[in-house]
N, C-alpha and C. Protein backbone atom coordinates (compact mmCIF):
# COMPACT_ATOMS: atom_id res chain seq x y z
N UNK A 1 -24.30 -61.77 -60.87
CA UNK A 1 -24.24 -62.89 -61.86
C UNK A 1 -23.94 -63.98 -60.80
N UNK A 2 -24.55 -65.39 -60.57
CA UNK A 2 -23.70 -66.42 -59.71
C UNK A 2 -23.64 -67.48 -60.33
N UNK A 3 -22.73 -68.22 -59.83
CA UNK A 3 -22.10 -69.34 -60.88
C UNK A 3 -23.42 -70.51 -60.56
N UNK A 4 -23.68 -70.96 -61.91
CA UNK A 4 -24.66 -71.77 -61.76
C UNK A 4 -24.26 -73.07 -62.98
N UNK A 5 -24.95 -73.84 -62.73
CA UNK A 5 -24.95 -75.52 -63.69
C UNK A 5 -24.45 -74.94 -65.11
N UNK A 6 -24.95 -74.26 -65.75
CA UNK A 6 -24.63 -73.75 -67.07
C UNK A 6 -23.29 -73.35 -67.27
N UNK A 7 -23.09 -71.95 -66.50
CA UNK A 7 -21.49 -71.77 -66.35
C UNK A 7 -20.34 -73.08 -66.10
N UNK A 8 -20.95 -73.70 -65.16
CA UNK A 8 -20.14 -74.87 -64.82
C UNK A 8 -19.57 -75.44 -65.65
N UNK A 9 -20.77 -76.30 -66.18
CA UNK A 9 -20.55 -76.74 -67.30
C UNK A 9 -19.75 -76.16 -68.46
N UNK A 10 -19.75 -75.19 -68.44
CA UNK A 10 -19.00 -74.34 -69.61
C UNK A 10 -17.35 -74.50 -69.56
N UNK A 11 -17.04 -74.28 -68.22
CA UNK A 11 -15.71 -74.21 -67.51
C UNK A 11 -15.20 -75.77 -67.60
N UNK A 12 -15.95 -76.89 -67.18
CA UNK A 12 -15.81 -78.26 -67.34
C UNK A 12 -15.32 -78.55 -68.72
N UNK A 13 -16.07 -78.04 -69.55
CA UNK A 13 -15.85 -78.44 -71.31
C UNK A 13 -14.86 -77.73 -71.85
N UNK A 14 -14.74 -76.84 -71.24
CA UNK A 14 -13.59 -75.71 -71.92
C UNK A 14 -12.00 -76.83 -71.11
N UNK A 15 -12.40 -77.22 -70.14
CA UNK A 15 -11.16 -77.77 -69.36
C UNK A 15 -10.77 -78.89 -69.42
N UNK A 16 -11.85 -79.52 -70.30
CA UNK A 16 -11.35 -80.95 -70.64
C UNK A 16 -10.80 -80.79 -71.96
N UNK A 17 -11.62 -80.10 -73.22
CA UNK A 17 -11.07 -79.75 -74.08
C UNK A 17 -9.42 -79.21 -74.57
N UNK A 18 -9.35 -78.43 -73.30
CA UNK A 18 -7.76 -77.47 -73.03
C UNK A 18 -6.72 -78.63 -72.84
N UNK A 19 -7.01 -79.14 -71.85
CA UNK A 19 -6.49 -80.47 -71.26
C UNK A 19 -5.94 -81.49 -72.35
N UNK A 20 -6.79 -81.99 -73.06
CA UNK A 20 -6.79 -82.61 -73.88
C UNK A 20 -5.57 -82.29 -75.15
N UNK A 21 -6.16 -81.33 -75.44
CA UNK A 21 -5.62 -80.69 -76.39
C UNK A 21 -3.63 -80.32 -75.92
N UNK A 22 -3.25 -80.21 -74.55
CA UNK A 22 -2.19 -80.20 -74.36
C UNK A 22 -1.59 -81.72 -73.69
N UNK A 23 -2.55 -82.70 -74.11
CA UNK A 23 -2.09 -84.03 -73.78
C UNK A 23 -2.12 -84.47 -71.98
N UNK A 24 -3.03 -83.70 -71.30
CA UNK A 24 -2.77 -83.73 -70.04
C UNK A 24 -4.01 -84.44 -69.37
N UNK A 25 -4.46 -84.95 -68.55
CA UNK A 25 -5.68 -84.72 -67.61
C UNK A 25 -5.87 -84.40 -66.13
N UNK A 26 -6.92 -83.74 -65.94
CA UNK A 26 -6.91 -82.91 -64.63
C UNK A 26 -8.54 -83.92 -64.27
N UNK A 27 -8.67 -83.35 -62.96
CA UNK A 27 -9.68 -83.28 -61.92
C UNK A 27 -10.04 -81.70 -61.94
N UNK A 28 -11.16 -81.40 -62.24
CA UNK A 28 -11.86 -79.69 -62.40
C UNK A 28 -13.03 -79.90 -61.43
N UNK A 29 -13.03 -78.91 -60.23
CA UNK A 29 -14.07 -78.76 -59.48
C UNK A 29 -14.42 -77.36 -59.53
N UNK A 30 -15.71 -76.98 -60.12
CA UNK A 30 -16.40 -75.93 -59.45
C UNK A 30 -17.56 -75.64 -58.48
N UNK A 31 -17.14 -74.78 -57.82
CA UNK A 31 -18.25 -74.43 -56.62
C UNK A 31 -18.59 -72.80 -56.63
N UNK A 32 -19.80 -72.57 -56.12
CA UNK A 32 -20.32 -71.55 -55.83
C UNK A 32 -19.87 -70.78 -55.18
N UNK A 33 -20.33 -69.32 -54.74
CA UNK A 33 -19.60 -68.15 -54.06
C UNK A 33 -19.69 -68.95 -52.37
N UNK A 34 -20.08 -69.76 -51.61
CA UNK A 34 -19.97 -70.44 -50.57
C UNK A 34 -19.46 -71.41 -50.54
N UNK A 35 -18.75 -71.77 -51.62
CA UNK A 35 -17.96 -73.16 -51.72
C UNK A 35 -18.95 -74.45 -51.73
N UNK A 36 -19.86 -74.57 -52.09
CA UNK A 36 -20.58 -75.69 -52.03
C UNK A 36 -20.61 -76.20 -54.12
N UNK A 37 -20.33 -77.25 -53.81
CA UNK A 37 -20.08 -77.96 -55.42
C UNK A 37 -21.17 -77.95 -56.37
N UNK A 38 -20.99 -77.12 -57.32
CA UNK A 38 -21.70 -77.04 -58.36
C UNK A 38 -21.46 -78.34 -59.44
N UNK A 39 -20.24 -78.39 -59.70
CA UNK A 39 -19.81 -79.45 -60.64
C UNK A 39 -18.33 -80.09 -60.74
N UNK A 40 -18.32 -81.29 -60.85
CA UNK A 40 -16.75 -81.68 -60.74
C UNK A 40 -16.71 -83.24 -61.92
N UNK A 41 -15.61 -82.88 -62.73
CA UNK A 41 -15.38 -83.81 -63.46
C UNK A 41 -13.80 -84.46 -63.03
N UNK A 42 -13.45 -85.63 -62.89
CA UNK A 42 -12.08 -86.45 -63.14
C UNK A 42 -12.05 -87.12 -64.69
N UNK A 43 -11.13 -86.41 -65.31
CA UNK A 43 -10.54 -87.11 -66.60
C UNK A 43 -10.16 -88.43 -66.67
N UNK A 44 -10.47 -89.41 -67.34
CA UNK A 44 -9.65 -90.78 -67.37
C UNK A 44 -8.22 -90.52 -67.31
N UNK A 45 -7.67 -91.60 -66.60
CA UNK A 45 -6.23 -91.47 -66.55
C UNK A 45 -5.45 -90.65 -65.82
N UNK A 46 -6.29 -89.32 -64.93
CA UNK A 46 -5.98 -89.00 -63.60
C UNK A 46 -6.16 -89.34 -62.02
N UNK A 47 -5.18 -89.48 -61.19
CA UNK A 47 -5.08 -90.60 -60.02
C UNK A 47 -6.46 -90.03 -59.46
N UNK A 48 -7.29 -91.00 -58.82
CA UNK A 48 -8.44 -90.93 -58.25
C UNK A 48 -8.50 -89.76 -57.09
N UNK A 49 -7.47 -89.76 -56.43
CA UNK A 49 -7.56 -88.83 -55.35
C UNK A 49 -7.61 -87.29 -55.81
N UNK A 50 -7.15 -86.71 -57.28
CA UNK A 50 -7.22 -85.56 -57.67
C UNK A 50 -8.70 -84.82 -57.25
N UNK A 51 -10.00 -85.55 -57.66
CA UNK A 51 -10.91 -85.19 -57.52
C UNK A 51 -11.36 -84.24 -56.22
N UNK A 52 -11.16 -85.21 -55.40
CA UNK A 52 -11.31 -84.34 -54.07
C UNK A 52 -10.61 -83.36 -53.63
N UNK A 53 -9.13 -83.40 -54.27
CA UNK A 53 -7.80 -82.36 -53.95
C UNK A 53 -8.55 -80.94 -54.60
N UNK A 54 -8.87 -81.36 -55.89
CA UNK A 54 -9.46 -80.15 -56.84
C UNK A 54 -10.92 -79.31 -55.95
N UNK A 55 -11.80 -80.06 -55.26
CA UNK A 55 -12.58 -80.08 -54.79
C UNK A 55 -12.23 -79.03 -53.36
N UNK A 56 -11.54 -79.58 -53.04
CA UNK A 56 -10.84 -78.64 -51.68
C UNK A 56 -10.03 -77.30 -52.07
N UNK A 57 -9.74 -77.30 -53.38
CA UNK A 57 -8.90 -76.32 -53.77
C UNK A 57 -9.57 -75.26 -54.21
N UNK A 58 -10.96 -75.89 -54.65
CA UNK A 58 -12.19 -74.62 -55.04
C UNK A 58 -12.69 -74.17 -53.57
N UNK A 59 -12.63 -74.93 -53.25
CA UNK A 59 -13.61 -74.56 -51.72
C UNK A 59 -12.71 -73.66 -50.61
N UNK A 60 -11.65 -73.89 -50.86
CA UNK A 60 -10.80 -72.84 -50.09
C UNK A 60 -10.73 -71.32 -50.69
N UNK A 61 -10.44 -71.56 -52.00
CA UNK A 61 -10.38 -70.35 -52.93
C UNK A 61 -11.72 -69.55 -52.55
N UNK A 62 -12.60 -70.32 -52.80
CA UNK A 62 -14.15 -69.59 -52.70
C UNK A 62 -14.41 -68.96 -51.28
N UNK A 63 -14.21 -69.51 -50.37
CA UNK A 63 -14.31 -69.39 -48.71
C UNK A 63 -13.86 -68.20 -48.30
N UNK A 64 -12.16 -68.26 -48.84
CA UNK A 64 -11.38 -67.38 -48.44
C UNK A 64 -11.01 -65.91 -49.28
N UNK A 65 -11.62 -66.18 -50.49
CA UNK A 65 -11.83 -65.47 -51.20
C UNK A 65 -10.04 -64.64 -52.04
N UNK A 66 -9.56 -66.10 -51.75
CA UNK A 66 -8.07 -65.90 -52.54
C UNK A 66 -7.39 -67.09 -52.92
N UNK A 67 -6.59 -67.09 -53.78
CA UNK A 67 -6.06 -68.57 -54.24
C UNK A 67 -5.85 -69.28 -52.71
N UNK A 68 -5.98 -70.58 -53.25
CA UNK A 68 -5.83 -71.48 -52.05
C UNK A 68 -4.37 -71.28 -51.83
N UNK A 69 -3.38 -71.50 -52.62
CA UNK A 69 -2.25 -71.21 -52.21
C UNK A 69 -1.41 -70.18 -51.09
N UNK A 70 -2.23 -69.17 -50.93
CA UNK A 70 -2.09 -67.80 -50.09
C UNK A 70 -2.74 -68.06 -48.67
N UNK A 71 -3.59 -69.18 -48.55
CA UNK A 71 -4.15 -69.26 -46.86
C UNK A 71 -3.51 -69.40 -46.19
N UNK A 72 -1.83 -70.20 -46.46
CA UNK A 72 -1.54 -70.34 -45.41
C UNK A 72 -0.71 -69.12 -44.48
N UNK A 73 -0.63 -68.35 -45.06
CA UNK A 73 -0.46 -66.90 -44.25
C UNK A 73 -1.14 -66.36 -43.09
N UNK A 74 -2.32 -67.05 -43.20
CA UNK A 74 -3.32 -66.90 -41.86
C UNK A 74 -2.78 -67.85 -40.79
N UNK A 75 -1.66 -68.68 -40.64
CA UNK A 75 -1.15 -69.55 -39.97
C UNK A 75 0.10 -69.39 -39.38
N UNK A 76 1.06 -68.28 -40.06
CA UNK A 76 1.96 -67.87 -39.66
C UNK A 76 1.79 -67.05 -38.22
N UNK A 77 2.89 -67.74 -37.56
CA UNK A 77 2.79 -67.24 -35.88
C UNK A 77 3.06 -65.50 -35.91
N UNK A 78 3.93 -65.10 -37.05
CA UNK A 78 4.51 -63.36 -37.03
C UNK A 78 3.54 -62.53 -37.59
N UNK A 79 1.93 -63.44 -38.30
CA UNK A 79 1.32 -62.44 -38.58
C UNK A 79 -0.20 -62.89 -38.04
N UNK A 80 -0.88 -61.47 -37.97
CA UNK A 80 -2.50 -61.67 -37.25
C UNK A 80 -3.18 -62.26 -37.87
N UNK A 81 -3.92 -63.11 -37.79
CA UNK A 81 -5.04 -63.95 -38.82
C UNK A 81 -5.97 -64.73 -37.74
N UNK A 82 -6.13 -65.73 -38.69
CA UNK A 82 -7.18 -66.76 -37.73
C UNK A 82 -6.76 -67.54 -37.23
N UNK A 83 -5.17 -67.61 -37.34
CA UNK A 83 -4.47 -68.87 -36.48
C UNK A 83 -4.86 -70.17 -36.98
N UNK A 84 -5.08 -70.14 -38.00
CA UNK A 84 -5.45 -71.84 -38.47
C UNK A 84 -4.42 -72.37 -39.41
N UNK A 85 -4.32 -73.81 -39.25
CA UNK A 85 -3.59 -74.40 -40.48
C UNK A 85 -4.21 -75.74 -40.88
N UNK A 86 -3.69 -75.90 -42.12
CA UNK A 86 -4.56 -77.03 -42.59
C UNK A 86 -4.46 -78.19 -42.04
N UNK A 87 -3.97 -78.95 -41.05
CA UNK A 87 -3.84 -80.04 -40.15
C UNK A 87 -5.15 -80.05 -39.28
N UNK A 88 -5.46 -78.58 -38.64
CA UNK A 88 -6.50 -79.06 -37.81
C UNK A 88 -7.65 -78.31 -37.53
N UNK A 89 -7.97 -77.31 -39.01
CA UNK A 89 -8.80 -76.26 -38.90
C UNK A 89 -10.44 -76.94 -39.61
N UNK A 90 -10.03 -77.55 -40.77
CA UNK A 90 -11.11 -78.11 -41.20
C UNK A 90 -10.74 -79.07 -42.41
N UNK A 91 -11.65 -80.47 -42.66
CA UNK A 91 -10.77 -81.19 -43.78
C UNK A 91 -10.93 -80.78 -45.18
N UNK A 92 -12.07 -79.77 -45.56
CA UNK A 92 -11.85 -79.01 -46.91
C UNK A 92 -10.61 -78.02 -47.26
N UNK A 93 -9.72 -77.47 -45.82
CA UNK A 93 -9.26 -76.69 -45.83
C UNK A 93 -7.66 -77.26 -46.72
N UNK A 94 -7.20 -76.23 -47.71
CA UNK A 94 -5.88 -76.49 -48.09
C UNK A 94 -5.03 -75.43 -48.29
N UNK A 95 -3.65 -75.54 -48.35
CA UNK A 95 -2.69 -74.47 -49.07
C UNK A 95 -2.06 -75.12 -50.47
N UNK A 96 -2.51 -75.99 -51.25
CA UNK A 96 -2.19 -76.24 -52.14
C UNK A 96 -2.27 -75.59 -53.40
N UNK A 97 -1.48 -75.13 -54.12
CA UNK A 97 -1.74 -74.48 -55.64
C UNK A 97 -2.82 -74.92 -56.62
N UNK A 98 -3.75 -74.30 -57.11
CA UNK A 98 -4.47 -74.79 -58.09
C UNK A 98 -6.00 -74.48 -57.97
N UNK A 99 -6.07 -73.59 -56.92
CA UNK A 99 -7.65 -73.34 -56.60
C UNK A 99 -7.45 -71.85 -56.55
N UNK A 100 -8.30 -71.19 -57.50
CA UNK A 100 -8.72 -69.49 -57.27
C UNK A 100 -10.12 -68.93 -57.66
N UNK A 101 -10.12 -67.91 -56.64
CA UNK A 101 -11.42 -67.52 -57.06
C UNK A 101 -12.20 -66.94 -58.09
N UNK A 102 -13.37 -67.02 -58.57
CA UNK A 102 -13.65 -66.31 -59.65
C UNK A 102 -14.81 -64.78 -59.38
N UNK A 103 -13.71 -64.11 -59.64
CA UNK A 103 -14.50 -62.88 -59.37
C UNK A 103 -15.32 -62.20 -60.88
N UNK A 104 -16.67 -61.49 -60.71
CA UNK A 104 -17.08 -60.82 -61.18
C UNK A 104 -18.01 -59.45 -60.91
N UNK A 105 -17.51 -58.50 -61.47
CA UNK A 105 -18.27 -57.32 -60.74
C UNK A 105 -17.89 -56.78 -59.32
N UNK A 106 -16.81 -57.31 -59.04
CA UNK A 106 -16.41 -57.04 -57.87
C UNK A 106 -16.69 -57.81 -56.52
N UNK A 107 -17.08 -58.93 -57.31
CA UNK A 107 -17.54 -60.19 -56.07
C UNK A 107 -17.15 -61.18 -56.76
N UNK A 108 -16.81 -62.35 -55.76
CA UNK A 108 -16.73 -63.30 -55.77
C UNK A 108 -18.15 -64.24 -56.11
N UNK A 109 -17.62 -65.30 -57.35
CA UNK A 109 -19.54 -65.60 -57.82
C UNK A 109 -19.15 -67.14 -57.75
N UNK A 110 -17.93 -67.55 -57.57
CA UNK A 110 -17.59 -69.26 -57.39
C UNK A 110 -15.95 -69.25 -57.32
N UNK A 111 -15.39 -70.56 -57.59
CA UNK A 111 -14.41 -70.79 -57.43
C UNK A 111 -13.94 -72.12 -58.57
N UNK A 112 -12.86 -72.14 -59.04
CA UNK A 112 -12.62 -73.19 -59.53
C UNK A 112 -11.36 -73.89 -59.05
N UNK A 113 -11.01 -75.52 -58.67
CA UNK A 113 -9.92 -76.11 -58.45
C UNK A 113 -9.57 -76.93 -59.29
N UNK A 114 -8.36 -76.95 -59.74
CA UNK A 114 -7.88 -77.93 -60.99
C UNK A 114 -6.56 -79.23 -59.96
N UNK A 115 -6.69 -79.79 -60.44
CA UNK A 115 -5.44 -81.15 -59.66
C UNK A 115 -5.01 -81.99 -61.01
N UNK A 116 -4.07 -82.27 -61.48
CA UNK A 116 -3.63 -82.89 -62.37
C UNK A 116 -1.83 -83.09 -62.77
N UNK A 117 -1.28 -81.57 -62.92
CA UNK A 117 -0.11 -81.33 -63.03
C UNK A 117 0.41 -80.96 -61.80
N UNK A 118 1.50 -80.16 -62.12
CA UNK A 118 2.54 -79.95 -61.00
C UNK A 118 1.59 -78.43 -60.53
N UNK A 119 1.67 -78.08 -59.26
CA UNK A 119 1.41 -76.76 -58.76
C UNK A 119 1.09 -75.88 -59.52
N UNK A 120 2.21 -75.37 -60.30
CA UNK A 120 2.38 -74.68 -61.10
C UNK A 120 1.62 -74.55 -62.10
N UNK A 121 1.48 -75.66 -62.87
CA UNK A 121 0.54 -75.99 -63.83
C UNK A 121 -0.78 -75.97 -63.43
N UNK A 122 -0.80 -76.44 -62.41
CA UNK A 122 -2.66 -76.55 -61.83
C UNK A 122 -2.88 -74.79 -61.87
N UNK A 123 -2.27 -73.90 -61.33
CA UNK A 123 -2.69 -72.30 -61.52
C UNK A 123 -2.76 -72.03 -62.61
N UNK A 124 -1.85 -72.05 -63.70
CA UNK A 124 -1.96 -72.04 -64.74
C UNK A 124 -3.19 -72.23 -65.69
N UNK A 125 -3.41 -73.24 -65.28
CA UNK A 125 -4.76 -73.93 -65.88
C UNK A 125 -5.94 -73.14 -65.21
N UNK A 126 -5.74 -73.22 -63.86
CA UNK A 126 -7.07 -72.22 -63.47
C UNK A 126 -7.11 -71.05 -63.81
N UNK A 127 -6.12 -70.28 -64.19
CA UNK A 127 -6.15 -68.96 -65.01
C UNK A 127 -7.16 -69.00 -66.41
N UNK A 128 -6.32 -70.16 -67.27
CA UNK A 128 -6.83 -69.89 -68.47
C UNK A 128 -8.47 -70.20 -68.22
N UNK A 129 -8.87 -71.28 -68.08
CA UNK A 129 -10.15 -71.43 -67.98
C UNK A 129 -11.05 -70.29 -67.40
N UNK A 130 -10.54 -69.47 -66.03
CA UNK A 130 -11.37 -68.37 -65.62
C UNK A 130 -11.44 -66.94 -66.58
N UNK A 131 -10.19 -67.19 -67.49
CA UNK A 131 -10.03 -66.10 -68.82
C UNK A 131 -11.45 -66.58 -69.37
N UNK A 132 -11.39 -68.02 -69.88
CA UNK A 132 -12.70 -68.04 -70.96
C UNK A 132 -14.14 -67.59 -70.58
N UNK A 133 -14.40 -67.48 -69.04
CA UNK A 133 -15.77 -67.09 -69.33
C UNK A 133 -16.22 -65.05 -68.92
N UNK A 134 -14.77 -64.68 -68.52
CA UNK A 134 -14.87 -63.50 -68.31
C UNK A 134 -14.49 -62.44 -69.44
């Protein structure tokens, strides 16, 4: 299974519905397993920059195969890793919470990034959307 437009649309529709039920507005980005954008939606009322931030979160989660918030571990000077940091490695890389990989049968099929709430709210919202397709 791979991330396709049909699956991405289902995630977006579910996300929009759940956000409205909560009285929230989010930007939601869906990428494939390589981090390429499949779908992006910025709900009315959410700040404009949230769309790009959501995309960055999804890209980071897909390419590193871990939540976006965990990527900072690779820049820690006492941990062997890639020696990277979000300031000088890549314009898409982010350590902001709210990007999660989507796993199916032991493989990453894509990732989702959301932005519009607090970091904790964004993570919880991502998890709920992923549960919808699994």
